[in-house]
C-alpha atoms as a PDB file:
ATOM      1  CA  MET A   1     -12.175  -4.701   2.271  1.00  0.00           C
ATOM      2  CA  LEU A   2     -11.544  -1.144   3.753  1.00  0.00           C
ATOM      3  CA  GLY A   3      -9.869  -2.643   6.564  1.00  0.00           C
ATOM      4  CA  GLU A   4      -7.485  -4.125   3.978  1.00  0.00           C
ATOM      5  CA  LEU A   5      -7.046  -0.923   2.087  1.00  0.00           C
ATOM      6  CA  ASN A   6      -6.059   0.736   5.589  1.00  0.00           C
ATOM      7  CA  ASP A   7      -3.498  -1.790   6.298  1.00  0.00           C
ATOM      8  CA  VAL A   8      -1.903  -1.119   2.909  1.00  0.00           C
ATOM      9  CA  ILE A   9      -2.083   2.851   3.341  1.00  0.00           C
ATOM     10  CA  ALA A  10      -0.456   2.380   6.975  1.00  0.00           C
ATOM     11  CA  SER A  11       2.224  -0.017   5.505  1.00  0.00           C
ATOM     12  CA  VAL A  12       3.369   2.561   2.915  1.00  0.00           C
ATOM     13  CA  ALA A  13       3.551   5.361   5.650  1.00  0.00           C
ATOM     14  CA  LEU A  14       5.571   3.155   7.872  1.00  0.00           C
ATOM     15  CA  LEU A  15       7.826   1.979   5.196  1.00  0.00           C
ATOM     16  CA  ARG A  16       8.340   5.740   3.824  1.00  0.00           C
ATOM     17  CA  ASP A  17       9.391   6.353   7.690  1.00  0.00           C
ATOM     18  CA  ASN A  18      11.706   3.433   7.854  1.00  0.00           C
ATOM     19  CA  THR A  19      13.435   2.933   4.611  1.00  0.00           C
ATOM     20  CA  GLY A  20      16.726   2.428   6.579  1.00  0.00           C
ATOM     21  CA  LEU A  21      15.697  -0.931   7.459  1.00  0.00           C
ATOM     22  CA  PHE A  22      16.160  -2.354   4.047  1.00  0.00           C
ATOM     23  CA  ALA A  23      19.596  -3.528   2.669  1.00  0.00           C
ATOM     24  CA  ASP A  24      19.845  -0.513   0.031  1.00  0.00           C
ATOM     25  CA  GLU A  25      17.326   2.193  -1.437  1.00  0.00           C
ATOM     26  CA  GLN A  26      16.609  -0.131  -4.437  1.00  0.00           C
ATOM     27  CA  ASP A  27      15.124  -2.852  -2.162  1.00  0.00           C
ATOM     28  CA  ALA A  28      13.162  -0.098  -0.224  1.00  0.00           C
ATOM     29  CA  SER A  29      11.833   1.447  -3.343  1.00  0.00           C
ATOM     30  CA  ALA A  30      10.644  -2.181  -4.681  1.00  0.00           C
ATOM     31  CA  ALA A  31       8.716  -2.746  -1.460  1.00  0.00           C
ATOM     32  CA  LEU A  32       7.100   0.605  -1.901  1.00  0.00           C
ATOM     33  CA  ALA A  33       6.339   0.154  -5.536  1.00  0.00           C
ATOM     34  CA  TYR A  34       4.563  -3.282  -4.465  1.00  0.00           C
ATOM     35  CA  LEU A  35       2.662  -1.508  -1.755  1.00  0.00           C
ATOM     36  CA  LYS A  36       1.546   1.086  -3.938  1.00  0.00           C
ATOM     37  CA  GLU A  37      -0.067  -1.257  -6.475  1.00  0.00           C
ATOM     38  CA  ARG A  38      -1.866  -3.013  -3.673  1.00  0.00           C
ATOM     39  CA  ARG A  39      -3.174   0.283  -2.421  1.00  0.00           C
ATOM     40  CA  ARG A  40      -4.498   0.961  -5.983  1.00  0.00           C
ATOM     41  CA  HIS A  41      -5.928  -2.638  -6.440  1.00  0.00           C
ATOM     42  CA  ARG A  42      -7.788  -2.099  -3.153  1.00  0.00           C
ATOM     43  CA  GLN A  43      -9.005   1.414  -3.810  1.00  0.00           C
ATOM     44  CA  ARG A  44     -10.662   0.100  -7.071  1.00  0.00           C
ATOM     45  CA  GLU A  45     -12.280  -2.689  -5.108  1.00  0.00           C
ATOM     46  CA  ALA A  46     -13.649  -0.348  -2.509  1.00  0.00           C
ATOM     47  CA  VAL A  47     -15.047   1.945  -5.278  1.00  0.00           C
ATOM     48  CA  ARG A  48     -16.767  -0.995  -6.961  1.00  0.00           C
ATOM     49  CA  LEU A  49     -18.271  -1.926  -3.611  1.00  0.00           C
ATOM     50  CA  LEU A  50     -19.379   1.370  -2.939  1.00  0.00           C
ATOM     51  CA  ARG A  51     -21.157   1.717  -6.440  1.00  0.00           C
ATOM     52  CA  LYS A  52     -23.016  -1.420  -5.785  1.00  0.00           C
ATOM     53  CA  SER A  53     -24.389  -0.213  -2.668  1.00  0.00           C
END
C-alpha cells in the first residue's frame, strides 16, 4: 500500500520535471490531474490502514 503511494508521488514529481515529453500542455495537465487523484486515493487508503492498526 505505502509502496503504491510512494510510486504515485514519485510519478507526479517526474511528470512535473518532464512535461515537455507530452504533445502539449493539455496532455501533461490531464496526466498530472489523474496522478493527483490516484495520490489522494492512496493517501486515504493509507490513513484507513493506519487507523485500523
